[in-house]
Amino acid sequence: MLIELWTWLTDLGNSKMVALVIFFTTFVGIVLYVYSNKERSARLESYRYVPFLDEDDPKPNAASPKQGEK
């Protein structure tokens, strides 16, 4: 029985289908996890523009020379 299962999985056509089912169910699980809770969904949506936010006061670089120094 185990040998038959192993030979069925090692067939390239069958292993592709098994991988597709595993990855698709994982994807659907992640999507349901993210969008099922309204609070979590709102929190994640608030992070949408984080990469585009600029800092108001840029921090001075400690390694850069001070004014007048070289």
C-alpha atoms as a PDB file:
ATOM      1  CA  MET A   1       0.000   0.000   0.000  1.00  0.00           C
ATOM      2  CA  LEU A   2       2.735   2.496   0.977  1.00  0.00           C
ATOM      3  CA  ILE A   3       4.833   1.555  -2.043  1.00  0.00           C
ATOM      4  CA  GLU A   4       1.865   2.118  -4.350  1.00  0.00           C
ATOM      5  CA  LEU A   5       1.278   5.551  -2.802  1.00  0.00           C
ATOM      6  CA  TRP A   6       4.959   6.437  -3.190  1.00  0.00           C
ATOM      7  CA  THR A   7       5.023   5.385  -6.853  1.00  0.00           C
ATOM      8  CA  TRP A   8       1.823   7.357  -7.470  1.00  0.00           C
ATOM      9  CA  LEU A   9       3.353  10.479  -5.885  1.00  0.00           C
ATOM     10  CA  THR A  10       6.643  10.146  -7.755  1.00  0.00           C
ATOM     11  CA  ASP A  11       4.807  10.222 -11.061  1.00  0.00           C
ATOM     12  CA  LEU A  12       5.413  13.764 -12.324  1.00  0.00           C
ATOM     13  CA  GLY A  13       1.801  14.407 -13.316  1.00  0.00           C
ATOM     14  CA  ASN A  14       0.451  13.334  -9.937  1.00  0.00           C
ATOM     15  CA  SER A  15       3.006  15.199  -7.849  1.00  0.00           C
ATOM     16  CA  LYS A  16       2.184  18.440  -9.662  1.00  0.00           C
ATOM     17  CA  MET A  17      -1.481  18.030  -8.785  1.00  0.00           C
ATOM     18  CA  VAL A  18      -0.696  17.311  -5.139  1.00  0.00           C
ATOM     19  CA  ALA A  19       1.552  20.387  -4.947  1.00  0.00           C
ATOM     20  CA  LEU A  20      -1.160  22.508  -6.585  1.00  0.00           C
ATOM     21  CA  VAL A  21      -3.753  21.389  -4.052  1.00  0.00           C
ATOM     22  CA  ILE A  22      -1.395  22.010  -1.120  1.00  0.00           C
ATOM     23  CA  PHE A  23      -0.362  25.495  -2.261  1.00  0.00           C
ATOM     24  CA  PHE A  24      -3.900  26.508  -3.222  1.00  0.00           C
ATOM     25  CA  THR A  25      -5.349  25.471   0.136  1.00  0.00           C
ATOM     26  CA  THR A  26      -2.520  27.331   1.891  1.00  0.00           C
ATOM     27  CA  PHE A  27      -3.243  30.462  -0.157  1.00  0.00           C
ATOM     28  CA  VAL A  28      -6.975  30.291   0.549  1.00  0.00           C
ATOM     29  CA  GLY A  29      -6.263  29.746   4.246  1.00  0.00           C
ATOM     30  CA  ILE A  30      -4.048  32.843   4.396  1.00  0.00           C
ATOM     31  CA  VAL A  31      -6.622  34.972   2.569  1.00  0.00           C
ATOM     32  CA  LEU A  32      -9.404  33.795   4.876  1.00  0.00           C
ATOM     33  CA  TYR A  33      -7.237  34.449   7.927  1.00  0.00           C
ATOM     34  CA  VAL A  34      -6.414  37.990   6.823  1.00  0.00           C
ATOM     35  CA  TYR A  35      -9.869  39.103   5.721  1.00  0.00           C
ATOM     36  CA  SER A  36     -12.147  37.132   8.067  1.00  0.00           C
ATOM     37  CA  ASN A  37     -11.712  39.402  11.095  1.00  0.00           C
ATOM     38  CA  LYS A  38     -12.834  43.014  10.587  1.00  0.00           C
ATOM     39  CA  GLU A  39     -10.349  44.427  13.116  1.00  0.00           C
ATOM     40  CA  ARG A  40      -7.424  42.569  11.559  1.00  0.00           C
ATOM     41  CA  SER A  41      -8.538  43.597   8.088  1.00  0.00           C
ATOM     42  CA  ALA A  42      -8.736  47.274   9.077  1.00  0.00           C
ATOM     43  CA  ARG A  43      -5.329  47.114  10.779  1.00  0.00           C
ATOM     44  CA  LEU A  44      -3.682  45.534   7.729  1.00  0.00           C
ATOM     45  CA  GLU A  45      -5.357  48.043   5.414  1.00  0.00           C
ATOM     46  CA  SER A  46      -3.919  50.859   7.546  1.00  0.00           C
ATOM     47  CA  TYR A  47      -0.438  49.512   6.764  1.00  0.00           C
ATOM     48  CA  ARG A  48      -1.063  49.914   3.039  1.00  0.00           C
ATOM     49  CA  TYR A  49       0.835  53.187   2.565  1.00  0.00           C
ATOM     50  CA  VAL A  50       3.629  52.664   5.109  1.00  0.00           C
ATOM     51  CA  PRO A  51       6.349  52.334   2.432  1.00  0.00           C
ATOM     52  CA  PHE A  52       5.374  55.714   0.979  1.00  0.00           C
ATOM     53  CA  LEU A  53       5.445  57.661   4.241  1.00  0.00           C
ATOM     54  CA  ASP A  54       8.335  60.080   4.684  1.00  0.00           C
ATOM     55  CA  GLU A  55       9.933  61.016   7.943  1.00  0.00           C
ATOM     56  CA  ASP A  56       9.351  64.631   8.938  1.00  0.00           C
ATOM     57  CA  ASP A  57      12.738  65.075  10.602  1.00  0.00           C
ATOM     58  CA  PRO A  58      15.482  63.053   9.000  1.00  0.00           C
ATOM     59  CA  LYS A  59      17.871  61.674  11.591  1.00  0.00           C
ATOM     60  CA  PRO A  60      21.431  62.927  11.233  1.00  0.00           C
ATOM     61  CA  ASN A  61      23.847  60.242  10.190  1.00  0.00           C
ATOM     62  CA  ALA A  62      26.444  59.642  12.917  1.00  0.00           C
ATOM     63  CA  ALA A  63      29.090  58.652  10.373  1.00  0.00           C
ATOM     64  CA  SER A  64      28.758  61.796   8.269  1.00  0.00           C
ATOM     65  CA  PRO A  65      31.249  64.617   8.949  1.00  0.00           C
ATOM     66  CA  LYS A  66      29.999  67.738  10.668  1.00  0.00           C
ATOM     67  CA  GLN A  67      29.778  71.052   8.893  1.00  0.00           C
ATOM     68  CA  GLY A  68      33.226  72.431   8.134  1.00  0.00           C
ATOM     69  CA  GLU A  69      34.985  69.058   8.580  1.00  0.00           C
ATOM     70  CA  LYS A  70      36.275  66.914   5.786  1.00  0.00           C
END
